[in-house]
Amino acid sequence: MISDIRGWPLVSVLVVAMAAALSGCGEGASGTQVAPQAVRGEIMDVQSRDLLQIETLTVRDAEGRTWVFEARKTLEFTPSHLREHMVLGEVVEVTFHQEGDVLVADRLAD
């Protein structure tokens, strides 16, 4: 019975450590919580890393503000698809988070 009681603090520490590690998935490099945001607007520029990956995406929202996003992973659309949106003046929605001064695109929707 005593060994069971002594084991509880270790189990508690492990549970707390696992919870902290899992909650850290949504944190920025500084340890502050990264809140996802979204902006809708027309595409002004697309720079591609290659045929399938976007490097940067520039969007102008309805208020005229220009947003420049970095794509650090493969997103839903290819650069050529986004250029089509740009030529046709179609609106896209960019879900992103901020890392320091950089806006990082997480998801695109049309």
PDB file of N, CA and C in Angstrom:
ATOM      1  N   MET A   1       0.815  -1.194   0.000  1.00  0.00           N
ATOM      2  CA  MET A   1       0.000   0.000   0.000  1.00  0.00           C
ATOM      3  C   MET A   1       0.860   1.260   0.000  1.00  0.00           C
ATOM      4  N   ILE A   2       1.953   1.274   0.750  1.00  0.00           N
ATOM      5  CA  ILE A   2       2.828   2.438   0.808  1.00  0.00           C
ATOM      6  C   ILE A   2       3.476   2.683  -0.550  1.00  0.00           C
ATOM      7  N   SER A   3       3.856   1.620  -1.262  1.00  0.00           N
ATOM      8  CA  SER A   3       4.481   1.810  -2.569  1.00  0.00           C
ATOM      9  C   SER A   3       3.496   2.458  -3.548  1.00  0.00           C
ATOM     10  N   ASP A   4       2.197   2.153  -3.426  1.00  0.00           N
ATOM     11  CA  ASP A   4       1.202   2.789  -4.288  1.00  0.00           C
ATOM     12  C   ASP A   4       1.131   4.287  -4.014  1.00  0.00           C
ATOM     13  N   ILE A   5       1.160   4.673  -2.764  1.00  0.00           N
ATOM     14  CA  ILE A   5       1.082   6.084  -2.399  1.00  0.00           C
ATOM     15  C   ILE A   5       2.335   6.812  -2.882  1.00  0.00           C
ATOM     16  N   ARG A   6       3.495   6.182  -2.731  1.00  0.00           N
ATOM     17  CA  ARG A   6       4.738   6.811  -3.163  1.00  0.00           C
ATOM     18  C   ARG A   6       4.786   6.958  -4.685  1.00  0.00           C
ATOM     19  N   GLY A   7       4.126   6.096  -5.417  1.00  0.00           N
ATOM     20  CA  GLY A   7       4.121   6.161  -6.868  1.00  0.00           C
ATOM     21  C   GLY A   7       3.281   7.297  -7.411  1.00  0.00           C
ATOM     22  N   TRP A   8       2.337   7.798  -6.666  1.00  0.00           N
ATOM     23  CA  TRP A   8       1.445   8.848  -7.149  1.00  0.00           C
ATOM     24  C   TRP A   8       2.156  10.140  -7.523  1.00  0.00           C
ATOM     25  N   PRO A   9       3.114  10.625  -6.734  1.00  0.00           N
ATOM     26  CA  PRO A   9       3.770  11.870  -7.149  1.00  0.00           C
ATOM     27  C   PRO A   9       4.458  11.739  -8.511  1.00  0.00           C
ATOM     28  N   LEU A  10       5.082  10.602  -8.767  1.00  0.00           N
ATOM     29  CA  LEU A  10       5.747  10.399 -10.053  1.00  0.00           C
ATOM     30  C   LEU A  10       4.728  10.392 -11.182  1.00  0.00           C
ATOM     31  N   VAL A  11       3.611   9.711 -10.981  1.00  0.00           N
ATOM     32  CA  VAL A  11       2.558   9.677 -11.996  1.00  0.00           C
ATOM     33  C   VAL A  11       2.034  11.088 -12.239  1.00  0.00           C
ATOM     34  N   SER A  12       1.832  11.867 -11.186  1.00  0.00           N
ATOM     35  CA  SER A  12       1.346  13.237 -11.322  1.00  0.00           C
ATOM     36  C   SER A  12       2.317  14.085 -12.121  1.00  0.00           C
ATOM     37  N   VAL A  13       3.606  13.938 -11.841  1.00  0.00           N
ATOM     38  CA  VAL A  13       4.622  14.698 -12.572  1.00  0.00           C
ATOM     39  C   VAL A  13       4.601  14.316 -14.047  1.00  0.00           C
ATOM     40  N   LEU A  14       4.484  13.034 -14.346  1.00  0.00           N
ATOM     41  CA  LEU A  14       4.446  12.585 -15.733  1.00  0.00           C
ATOM     42  C   LEU A  14       3.215  13.101 -16.463  1.00  0.00           C
ATOM     43  N   VAL A  15       2.070  13.088 -15.804  1.00  0.00           N
ATOM     44  CA  VAL A  15       0.835  13.585 -16.421  1.00  0.00           C
ATOM     45  C   VAL A  15       0.956  15.081 -16.711  1.00  0.00           C
ATOM     46  N   VAL A  16       1.460  15.842 -15.762  1.00  0.00           N
ATOM     47  CA  VAL A  16       1.632  17.283 -15.955  1.00  0.00           C
ATOM     48  C   VAL A  16       2.636  17.547 -17.068  1.00  0.00           C
ATOM     49  N   ALA A  17       3.727  16.802 -17.113  1.00  0.00           N
ATOM     50  CA  ALA A  17       4.734  16.993 -18.159  1.00  0.00           C
ATOM     51  C   ALA A  17       4.160  16.683 -19.537  1.00  0.00           C
ATOM     52  N   MET A  18       3.360  15.623 -19.652  1.00  0.00           N
ATOM     53  CA  MET A  18       2.749  15.280 -20.938  1.00  0.00           C
ATOM     54  C   MET A  18       1.763  16.358 -21.368  1.00  0.00           C
ATOM     55  N   ALA A  19       0.977  16.858 -20.445  1.00  0.00           N
ATOM     56  CA  ALA A  19       0.011  17.917 -20.773  1.00  0.00           C
ATOM     57  C   ALA A  19       0.732  19.178 -21.236  1.00  0.00           C
ATOM     58  N   ALA A  20       1.829  19.515 -20.577  1.00  0.00           N
ATOM     59  CA  ALA A  20       2.593  20.700 -20.977  1.00  0.00           C
ATOM     60  C   ALA A  20       3.203  20.510 -22.358  1.00  0.00           C
ATOM     61  N   ALA A  21       3.696  19.321 -22.644  1.00  0.00           N
ATOM     62  CA  ALA A  21       4.293  19.055 -23.962  1.00  0.00           C
ATOM     63  C   ALA A  21       3.239  19.140 -25.058  1.00  0.00           C
ATOM     64  N   LEU A  22       2.069  18.576 -24.814  1.00  0.00           N
ATOM     65  CA  LEU A  22       1.003  18.626 -25.813  1.00  0.00           C
ATOM     66  C   LEU A  22       0.494  20.040 -26.020  1.00  0.00           C
ATOM     67  N   SER A  23       0.361  20.816 -24.971  1.00  0.00           N
ATOM     68  CA  SER A  23      -0.122  22.191 -25.132  1.00  0.00           C
ATOM     69  C   SER A  23       0.927  23.059 -25.797  1.00  0.00           C
ATOM     70  N   GLY A  24       2.178  22.658 -25.754  1.00  0.00           N
ATOM     71  CA  GLY A  24       3.253  23.403 -26.391  1.00  0.00           C
ATOM     72  C   GLY A  24       3.199  23.355 -27.903  1.00  0.00           C
ATOM     73  N   CYS A  25       2.371  22.473 -28.478  1.00  0.00           N
ATOM     74  CA  CYS A  25       2.278  22.373 -29.929  1.00  0.00           C
ATOM     75  C   CYS A  25       1.755  23.654 -30.553  1.00  0.00           C
ATOM     76  N   GLY A  26       0.988  24.437 -29.827  1.00  0.00           N
ATOM     77  CA  GLY A  26       0.444  25.670 -30.374  1.00  0.00           C
ATOM     78  C   GLY A  26       1.187  26.899 -29.916  1.00  0.00           C
ATOM     79  N   GLU A  27       2.429  26.738 -29.518  1.00  0.00           N
ATOM     80  CA  GLU A  27       3.182  27.871 -29.012  1.00  0.00           C
ATOM     81  C   GLU A  27       4.246  28.306 -29.997  1.00  0.00           C
ATOM     82  N   GLY A  28       4.568  29.585 -29.946  1.00  0.00           N
ATOM     83  CA  GLY A  28       5.626  30.131 -30.782  1.00  0.00           C
ATOM     84  C   GLY A  28       6.981  29.870 -30.167  1.00  0.00           C
ATOM     85  N   ALA A  29       8.017  30.340 -30.853  1.00  0.00           N
ATOM     86  CA  ALA A  29       9.378  30.112 -30.397  1.00  0.00           C
ATOM     87  C   ALA A  29       9.637  30.753 -29.041  1.00  0.00           C
ATOM     88  N   SER A  30       8.947  31.841 -28.732  1.00  0.00           N
ATOM     89  CA  SER A  30       9.162  32.526 -27.460  1.00  0.00           C
ATOM     90  C   SER A  30       8.365  31.901 -26.331  1.00  0.00           C
ATOM     91  N   GLY A  31       7.543  30.866 -26.642  1.00  0.00           N
ATOM     92  CA  GLY A  31       6.732  30.227 -25.622  1.00  0.00           C
ATOM     93  C   GLY A  31       5.378  30.884 -25.457  1.00  0.00           C
ATOM     94  N   THR A  32       5.084  31.921 -26.196  1.00  0.00           N
ATOM     95  CA  THR A  32       3.786  32.560 -26.112  1.00  0.00           C
ATOM     96  C   THR A  32       2.813  31.846 -27.032  1.00  0.00           C
ATOM     97  N   GLN A  33       1.561  31.828 -26.646  1.00  0.00           N
ATOM     98  CA  GLN A  33       0.537  31.151 -27.435  1.00  0.00           C
ATOM     99  C   GLN A  33       0.363  31.838 -28.786  1.00  0.00           C
ATOM    100  N   VAL A  34       0.330  31.054 -29.851  1.00  0.00           N
ATOM    101  CA  VAL A  34       0.153  31.570 -31.198  1.00  0.00           C
ATOM    102  C   VAL A  34      -1.330  31.459 -31.546  1.00  0.00           C
ATOM    103  N   ALA A  35      -1.966  32.587 -31.779  1.00  0.00           N
ATOM    104  CA  ALA A  35      -3.386  32.592 -32.103  1.00  0.00           C
ATOM    105  C   ALA A  35      -3.550  32.616 -33.617  1.00  0.00           C
ATOM    106  N   PRO A  36      -4.225  31.598 -34.180  1.00  0.00           N
ATOM    107  CA  PRO A  36      -4.447  31.631 -35.617  1.00  0.00           C
ATOM    108  C   PRO A  36      -5.400  32.764 -35.983  1.00  0.00           C
ATOM    109  N   GLN A  37      -5.147  33.360 -37.126  1.00  0.00           N
ATOM    110  CA  GLN A  37      -5.971  34.451 -37.619  1.00  0.00           C
ATOM    111  C   GLN A  37      -6.298  34.157 -39.074  1.00  0.00           C
ATOM    112  N   ALA A  38      -7.211  34.925 -39.648  1.00  0.00           N
ATOM    113  CA  ALA A  38      -7.549  34.752 -41.059  1.00  0.00           C
ATOM    114  C   ALA A  38      -7.777  36.118 -41.688  1.00  0.00           C
ATOM    115  N   VAL A  39      -7.450  36.208 -42.970  1.00  0.00           N
ATOM    116  CA  VAL A  39      -7.698  37.421 -43.734  1.00  0.00           C
ATOM    117  C   VAL A  39      -8.206  37.000 -45.108  1.00  0.00           C
ATOM    118  N   ARG A  40      -9.187  37.762 -45.627  1.00  0.00           N
ATOM    119  CA  ARG A  40      -9.720  37.530 -46.965  1.00  0.00           C
ATOM    120  C   ARG A  40      -9.308  38.686 -47.856  1.00  0.00           C
ATOM    121  N   GLY A  41      -8.942  38.373 -49.077  1.00  0.00           N
ATOM    122  CA  GLY A  41      -8.576  39.432 -49.990  1.00  0.00           C
ATOM    123  C   GLY A  41      -8.167  38.913 -51.349  1.00  0.00           C
ATOM    124  N   GLU A  42      -7.807  39.861 -52.215  1.00  0.00           N
ATOM    125  CA  GLU A  42      -7.354  39.536 -53.561  1.00  0.00           C
ATOM    126  C   GLU A  42      -5.850  39.296 -53.556  1.00  0.00           C
ATOM    127  N   ILE A  43      -5.417  38.351 -54.351  1.00  0.00           N
ATOM    128  CA  ILE A  43      -3.992  38.047 -54.458  1.00  0.00           C
ATOM    129  C   ILE A  43      -3.331  39.105 -55.324  1.00  0.00           C
ATOM    130  N   MET A  44      -2.261  39.677 -54.813  1.00  0.00           N
ATOM    131  CA  MET A  44      -1.499  40.685 -55.537  1.00  0.00           C
ATOM    132  C   MET A  44      -0.213  40.108 -56.126  1.00  0.00           C
ATOM    133  N   ASP A  45       0.345  39.067 -55.472  1.00  0.00           N
ATOM    134  CA  ASP A  45       1.589  38.476 -55.947  1.00  0.00           C
ATOM    135  C   ASP A  45       1.731  37.066 -55.371  1.00  0.00           C
ATOM    136  N   VAL A  46       2.331  36.203 -56.158  1.00  0.00           N
ATOM    137  CA  VAL A  46       2.663  34.838 -55.728  1.00  0.00           C
ATOM    138  C   VAL A  46       4.089  34.564 -56.160  1.00  0.00           C
ATOM    139  N   GLN A  47       4.930  34.190 -55.217  1.00  0.00           N
ATOM    140  CA  GLN A  47       6.291  33.752 -55.516  1.00  0.00           C
ATOM    141  C   GLN A  47       6.354  32.264 -55.203  1.00  0.00           C
ATOM    142  N   SER A  48       6.867  31.492 -56.146  1.00  0.00           N
ATOM    143  CA  SER A  48       6.881  30.043 -55.955  1.00  0.00           C
ATOM    144  C   SER A  48       8.274  29.533 -55.624  1.00  0.00           C
ATOM    145  N   ARG A  49       8.289  28.481 -54.836  1.00  0.00           N
ATOM    146  CA  ARG A  49       9.531  27.780 -54.496  1.00  0.00           C
ATOM    147  C   ARG A  49       9.840  26.786 -55.616  1.00  0.00           C
ATOM    148  N   ASP A  50       8.774  26.168 -56.138  1.00  0.00           N
ATOM    149  CA  ASP A  50       8.868  25.252 -57.273  1.00  0.00           C
ATOM    150  C   ASP A  50       7.474  25.146 -57.885  1.00  0.00           C
ATOM    151  N   LEU A  51       7.225  24.174 -58.738  1.00  0.00           N
ATOM    152  CA  LEU A  51       5.922  24.077 -59.414  1.00  0.00           C
ATOM    153  C   LEU A  51       4.751  23.837 -58.460  1.00  0.00           C
ATOM    154  N   LEU A  52       5.011  23.223 -57.322  1.00  0.00           N
ATOM    155  CA  LEU A  52       3.932  22.853 -56.413  1.00  0.00           C
ATOM    156  C   LEU A  52       3.882  23.644 -55.118  1.00  0.00           C
ATOM    157  N   GLN A  53       4.934  24.370 -54.808  1.00  0.00           N
ATOM    158  CA  GLN A  53       4.996  25.042 -53.509  1.00  0.00           C
ATOM    159  C   GLN A  53       5.122  26.552 -53.643  1.00  0.00           C
ATOM    160  N   ILE A  54       4.360  27.227 -52.803  1.00  0.00           N
ATOM    161  CA  ILE A  54       4.397  28.686 -52.721  1.00  0.00           C
ATOM    162  C   ILE A  54       5.524  29.074 -51.776  1.00  0.00           C
ATOM    163  N   GLU A  55       6.229  30.132 -52.105  1.00  0.00           N
ATOM    164  CA  GLU A  55       7.223  30.678 -51.177  1.00  0.00           C
ATOM    165  C   GLU A  55       6.619  31.848 -50.411  1.00  0.00           C
ATOM    166  N   THR A  56       6.062  32.835 -51.155  1.00  0.00           N
ATOM    167  CA  THR A  56       5.376  33.957 -50.511  1.00  0.00           C
ATOM    168  C   THR A  56       4.085  34.251 -51.258  1.00  0.00           C
ATOM    169  N   LEU A  57       3.157  34.821 -50.533  1.00  0.00           N
ATOM    170  CA  LEU A  57       1.854  35.189 -51.077  1.00  0.00           C
ATOM    171  C   LEU A  57       1.496  36.567 -50.548  1.00  0.00           C
ATOM    172  N   THR A  58       1.143  37.476 -51.453  1.00  0.00           N
ATOM    173  CA  THR A  58       0.751  38.831 -51.061  1.00  0.00           C
ATOM    174  C   THR A  58      -0.731  39.003 -51.351  1.00  0.00           C
ATOM    175  N   VAL A  59      -1.478  39.449 -50.336  1.00  0.00           N
ATOM    176  CA  VAL A  59      -2.930  39.605 -50.432  1.00  0.00           C
ATOM    177  C   VAL A  59      -3.302  41.020 -49.999  1.00  0.00           C
ATOM    178  N   ARG A  60      -4.269  41.627 -50.705  1.00  0.00           N
ATOM    179  CA  ARG A  60      -4.800  42.939 -50.299  1.00  0.00           C
ATOM    180  C   ARG A  60      -6.235  42.729 -49.838  1.00  0.00           C
ATOM    181  N   ASP A  61      -6.531  43.137 -48.585  1.00  0.00           N
ATOM    182  CA  ASP A  61      -7.879  42.955 -48.046  1.00  0.00           C
ATOM    183  C   ASP A  61      -8.819  44.070 -48.511  1.00  0.00           C
ATOM    184  N   ALA A  62     -10.074  43.993 -48.114  1.00  0.00           N
ATOM    185  CA  ALA A  62     -11.106  44.946 -48.548  1.00  0.00           C
ATOM    186  C   ALA A  62     -10.815  46.371 -48.097  1.00  0.00           C
ATOM    187  N   GLU A  63     -10.065  46.541 -47.006  1.00  0.00           N
ATOM    188  CA  GLU A  63      -9.715  47.869 -46.506  1.00  0.00           C
ATOM    189  C   GLU A  63      -8.474  48.436 -47.201  1.00  0.00           C
ATOM    190  N   GLY A  64      -7.870  47.660 -48.088  1.00  0.00           N
ATOM    191  CA  GLY A  64      -6.690  48.123 -48.805  1.00  0.00           C
ATOM    192  C   GLY A  64      -5.369  47.781 -48.139  1.00  0.00           C
ATOM    193  N   ARG A  65      -5.406  47.077 -47.034  1.00  0.00           N
ATOM    194  CA  ARG A  65      -4.172  46.682 -46.342  1.00  0.00           C
ATOM    195  C   ARG A  65      -3.527  45.523 -47.086  1.00  0.00           C
ATOM    196  N   THR A  66      -2.210  45.581 -47.241  1.00  0.00           N
ATOM    197  CA  THR A  66      -1.460  44.529 -47.911  1.00  0.00           C
ATOM    198  C   THR A  66      -0.833  43.606 -46.875  1.00  0.00           C
ATOM    199  N   TRP A  67      -1.013  42.305 -47.085  1.00  0.00           N
ATOM    200  CA  TRP A  67      -0.499  41.274 -46.193  1.00  0.00           C
ATOM    201  C   TRP A  67       0.473  40.403 -46.985  1.00  0.00           C
ATOM    202  N   VAL A  68       1.656  40.159 -46.449  1.00  0.00           N
ATOM    203  CA  VAL A  68       2.635  39.281 -47.099  1.00  0.00           C
ATOM    204  C   VAL A  68       2.847  38.072 -46.196  1.00  0.00           C
ATOM    205  N   PHE A  69       2.609  36.896 -46.762  1.00  0.00           N
ATOM    206  CA  PHE A  69       2.708  35.642 -46.016  1.00  0.00           C
ATOM    207  C   PHE A  69       3.838  34.792 -46.555  1.00  0.00           C
ATOM    208  N   GLU A  70       4.514  34.080 -45.654  1.00  0.00           N
ATOM    209  CA  GLU A  70       5.470  33.049 -46.039  1.00  0.00           C
ATOM    210  C   GLU A  70       4.760  31.710 -45.952  1.00  0.00           C
ATOM    211  N   ALA A  71       5.065  30.834 -46.890  1.00  0.00           N
ATOM    212  CA  ALA A  71       4.537  29.466 -46.844  1.00  0.00           C
ATOM    213  C   ALA A  71       5.686  28.554 -46.446  1.00  0.00           C
ATOM    214  N   ARG A  72       5.575  27.978 -45.287  1.00  0.00           N
ATOM    215  CA  ARG A  72       6.658  27.119 -44.793  1.00  0.00           C
ATOM    216  C   ARG A  72       6.340  25.643 -44.953  1.00  0.00           C
ATOM    217  N   LYS A  73       5.177  25.373 -45.521  1.00  0.00           N
ATOM    218  CA  LYS A  73       4.783  23.996 -45.812  1.00  0.00           C
ATOM    219  C   LYS A  73       3.970  24.015 -47.103  1.00  0.00           C
ATOM    220  N   THR A  74       3.702  22.851 -47.637  1.00  0.00           N
ATOM    221  CA  THR A  74       2.879  22.764 -48.837  1.00  0.00           C
ATOM    222  C   THR A  74       1.443  23.103 -48.458  1.00  0.00           C
ATOM    223  N   LEU A  75       0.865  24.047 -49.169  1.00  0.00           N
ATOM    224  CA  LEU A  75      -0.504  24.477 -48.892  1.00  0.00           C
ATOM    225  C   LEU A  75      -1.474  23.838 -49.879  1.00  0.00           C
ATOM    226  N   GLU A  76      -2.755  24.167 -49.750  1.00  0.00           N
ATOM    227  CA  GLU A  76      -3.807  23.519 -50.527  1.00  0.00           C
ATOM    228  C   GLU A  76      -3.743  23.790 -52.027  1.00  0.00           C
ATOM    229  N   PHE A  77      -3.164  24.915 -52.446  1.00  0.00           N
ATOM    230  CA  PHE A  77      -3.175  25.288 -53.847  1.00  0.00           C
ATOM    231  C   PHE A  77      -1.763  25.460 -54.382  1.00  0.00           C
ATOM    232  N   THR A  78      -1.616  25.198 -55.670  1.00  0.00           N
ATOM    233  CA  THR A  78      -0.327  25.398 -56.330  1.00  0.00           C
ATOM    234  C   THR A  78      -0.162  26.870 -56.687  1.00  0.00           C
ATOM    235  N   PRO A  79       1.068  27.293 -56.941  1.00  0.00           N
ATOM    236  CA  PRO A  79       1.284  28.680 -57.371  1.00  0.00           C
ATOM    237  C   PRO A  79       0.484  29.023 -58.632  1.00  0.00           C
ATOM    238  N   SER A  80       0.390  28.111 -59.586  1.00  0.00           N
ATOM    239  CA  SER A  80      -0.347  28.410 -60.819  1.00  0.00           C
ATOM    240  C   SER A  80      -1.836  28.600 -60.547  1.00  0.00           C
ATOM    241  N   HIS A  81      -2.405  27.830 -59.637  1.00  0.00           N
ATOM    242  CA  HIS A  81      -3.820  28.004 -59.282  1.00  0.00           C
ATOM    243  C   HIS A  81      -4.040  29.379 -58.648  1.00  0.00           C
ATOM    244  N   LEU A  82      -3.124  29.787 -57.792  1.00  0.00           N
ATOM    245  CA  LEU A  82      -3.249  31.098 -57.151  1.00  0.00           C
ATOM    246  C   LEU A  82      -3.038  32.236 -58.146  1.00  0.00           C
ATOM    247  N   ARG A  83      -2.176  32.031 -59.130  1.00  0.00           N
ATOM    248  CA  ARG A  83      -2.009  33.055 -60.175  1.00  0.00           C
ATOM    249  C   ARG A  83      -3.297  33.216 -60.978  1.00  0.00           C
ATOM    250  N   GLU A  84      -4.012  32.123 -61.184  1.00  0.00           N
ATOM    251  CA  GLU A  84      -5.316  32.188 -61.855  1.00  0.00           C
ATOM    252  C   GLU A  84      -6.277  33.050 -61.036  1.00  0.00           C
ATOM    253  N   HIS A  85      -6.310  32.841 -59.726  1.00  0.00           N
ATOM    254  CA  HIS A  85      -7.125  33.680 -58.839  1.00  0.00           C
ATOM    255  C   HIS A  85      -6.706  35.143 -58.951  1.00  0.00           C
ATOM    256  N   MET A  86      -5.409  35.375 -59.032  1.00  0.00           N
ATOM    257  CA  MET A  86      -4.887  36.734 -59.113  1.00  0.00           C
ATOM    258  C   MET A  86      -5.372  37.408 -60.403  1.00  0.00           C
ATOM    259  N   VAL A  87      -5.265  36.725 -61.515  1.00  0.00           N
ATOM    260  CA  VAL A  87      -5.665  37.290 -62.804  1.00  0.00           C
ATOM    261  C   VAL A  87      -7.172  37.568 -62.838  1.00  0.00           C
ATOM    262  N   LEU A  88      -7.952  36.677 -62.257  1.00  0.00           N
ATOM    263  CA  LEU A  88      -9.412  36.828 -62.273  1.00  0.00           C
ATOM    264  C   LEU A  88      -9.936  37.726 -61.154  1.00  0.00           C
ATOM    265  N   GLY A  89      -9.056  38.135 -60.235  1.00  0.00           N
ATOM    266  CA  GLY A  89      -9.473  39.004 -59.134  1.00  0.00           C
ATOM    267  C   GLY A  89     -10.343  38.298 -58.108  1.00  0.00           C
ATOM    268  N   GLU A  90     -10.189  36.987 -57.999  1.00  0.00           N
ATOM    269  CA  GLU A  90     -10.995  36.203 -57.052  1.00  0.00           C
ATOM    270  C   GLU A  90     -10.395  36.288 -55.643  1.00  0.00           C
ATOM    271  N   VAL A  91     -11.273  36.302 -54.671  1.00  0.00           N
ATOM    272  CA  VAL A  91     -10.874  36.427 -53.266  1.00  0.00           C
ATOM    273  C   VAL A  91     -10.466  35.071 -52.703  1.00  0.00           C
ATOM    274  N   VAL A  92      -9.435  35.069 -51.876  1.00  0.00           N
ATOM    275  CA  VAL A  92      -9.007  33.881 -51.136  1.00  0.00           C
ATOM    276  C   VAL A  92      -8.989  34.213 -49.647  1.00  0.00           C
ATOM    277  N   GLU A  93      -9.020  33.186 -48.845  1.00  0.00           N
ATOM    278  CA  GLU A  93      -8.885  33.359 -47.395  1.00  0.00           C
ATOM    279  C   GLU A  93      -7.609  32.660 -46.957  1.00  0.00           C
ATOM    280  N   VAL A  94      -6.780  33.385 -46.217  1.00  0.00           N
ATOM    281  CA  VAL A  94      -5.520  32.840 -45.704  1.00  0.00           C
ATOM    282  C   VAL A  94      -5.634  32.742 -44.191  1.00  0.00           C
ATOM    283  N   THR A  95      -5.508  31.541 -43.676  1.00  0.00           N
ATOM    284  CA  THR A  95      -5.416  31.346 -42.236  1.00  0.00           C
ATOM    285  C   THR A  95      -3.926  31.305 -41.913  1.00  0.00           C
ATOM    286  N   PHE A  96      -3.527  32.070 -40.894  1.00  0.00           N
ATOM    287  CA  PHE A  96      -2.101  32.234 -40.622  1.00  0.00           C
ATOM    288  C   PHE A  96      -1.847  32.424 -39.142  1.00  0.00           C
ATOM    289  N   HIS A  97      -0.581  32.365 -38.803  1.00  0.00           N
ATOM    290  CA  HIS A  97      -0.130  32.732 -37.460  1.00  0.00           C
ATOM    291  C   HIS A  97       1.110  33.603 -37.628  1.00  0.00           C
ATOM    292  N   GLN A  98       1.459  34.293 -36.573  1.00  0.00           N
ATOM    293  CA  GLN A  98       2.599  35.202 -36.622  1.00  0.00           C
ATOM    294  C   GLN A  98       3.752  34.637 -35.814  1.00  0.00           C
ATOM    295  N   GLU A  99       4.943  34.661 -36.411  1.00  0.00           N
ATOM    296  CA  GLU A  99       6.175  34.270 -35.722  1.00  0.00           C
ATOM    297  C   GLU A  99       7.111  35.468 -35.791  1.00  0.00           C
ATOM    298  N   GLY A 100       7.178  36.225 -34.717  1.00  0.00           N
ATOM    299  CA  GLY A 100       7.957  37.460 -34.715  1.00  0.00           C
ATOM    300  C   GLY A 100       7.320  38.446 -35.672  1.00  0.00           C
ATOM    301  N   ASP A 101       8.088  38.911 -36.653  1.00  0.00           N
ATOM    302  CA  ASP A 101       7.569  39.849 -37.645  1.00  0.00           C
ATOM    303  C   ASP A 101       7.043  39.158 -38.894  1.00  0.00           C
ATOM    304  N   VAL A 102       7.069  37.831 -38.922  1.00  0.00           N
ATOM    305  CA  VAL A 102       6.699  37.083 -40.118  1.00  0.00           C
ATOM    306  C   VAL A 102       5.291  36.493 -39.979  1.00  0.00           C
ATOM    307  N   LEU A 103       4.467  36.677 -41.025  1.00  0.00           N
ATOM    308  CA  LEU A 103       3.153  36.055 -41.091  1.00  0.00           C
ATOM    309  C   LEU A 103       3.317  34.738 -41.842  1.00  0.00           C
ATOM    310  N   VAL A 104       2.963  33.639 -41.210  1.00  0.00           N
ATOM    311  CA  VAL A 104       3.147  32.304 -41.793  1.00  0.00           C
ATOM    312  C   VAL A 104       1.791  31.735 -42.186  1.00  0.00           C
ATOM    313  N   ALA A 105       1.617  31.479 -43.482  1.00  0.00           N
ATOM    314  CA  ALA A 105       0.364  30.918 -43.986  1.00  0.00           C
ATOM    315  C   ALA A 105       0.247  29.461 -43.552  1.00  0.00           C
ATOM    316  N   ASP A 106      -0.914  29.127 -42.968  1.00  0.00           N
ATOM    317  CA  ASP A 106      -1.166  27.762 -42.526  1.00  0.00           C
ATOM    318  C   ASP A 106      -2.139  27.031 -43.442  1.00  0.00           C
ATOM    319  N   ARG A 107      -3.083  27.789 -44.022  1.00  0.00           N
ATOM    320  CA  ARG A 107      -4.135  27.183 -44.829  1.00  0.00           C
ATOM    321  C   ARG A 107      -4.694  28.204 -45.798  1.00  0.00           C
ATOM    322  N   LEU A 108      -5.097  27.745 -46.982  1.00  0.00           N
ATOM    323  CA  LEU A 108      -5.726  28.612 -47.976  1.00  0.00           C
ATOM    324  C   LEU A 108      -7.097  28.069 -48.354  1.00  0.00           C
ATOM    325  N   ALA A 109      -8.010  28.972 -48.609  1.00  0.00           N
ATOM    326  CA  ALA A 109      -9.346  28.576 -49.079  1.00  0.00           C
ATOM    327  C   ALA A 109      -9.821  29.579 -50.108  1.00  0.00           C
ATOM    328  N   ASP A 110     -10.585  29.100 -51.108  1.00  0.00           N
ATOM    329  CA  ASP A 110     -11.140  30.032 -52.087  1.00  0.00           C
ATOM    330  C   ASP A 110     -12.646  30.029 -52.036  1.00  0.00           C
TER     331      ASP A 110
END
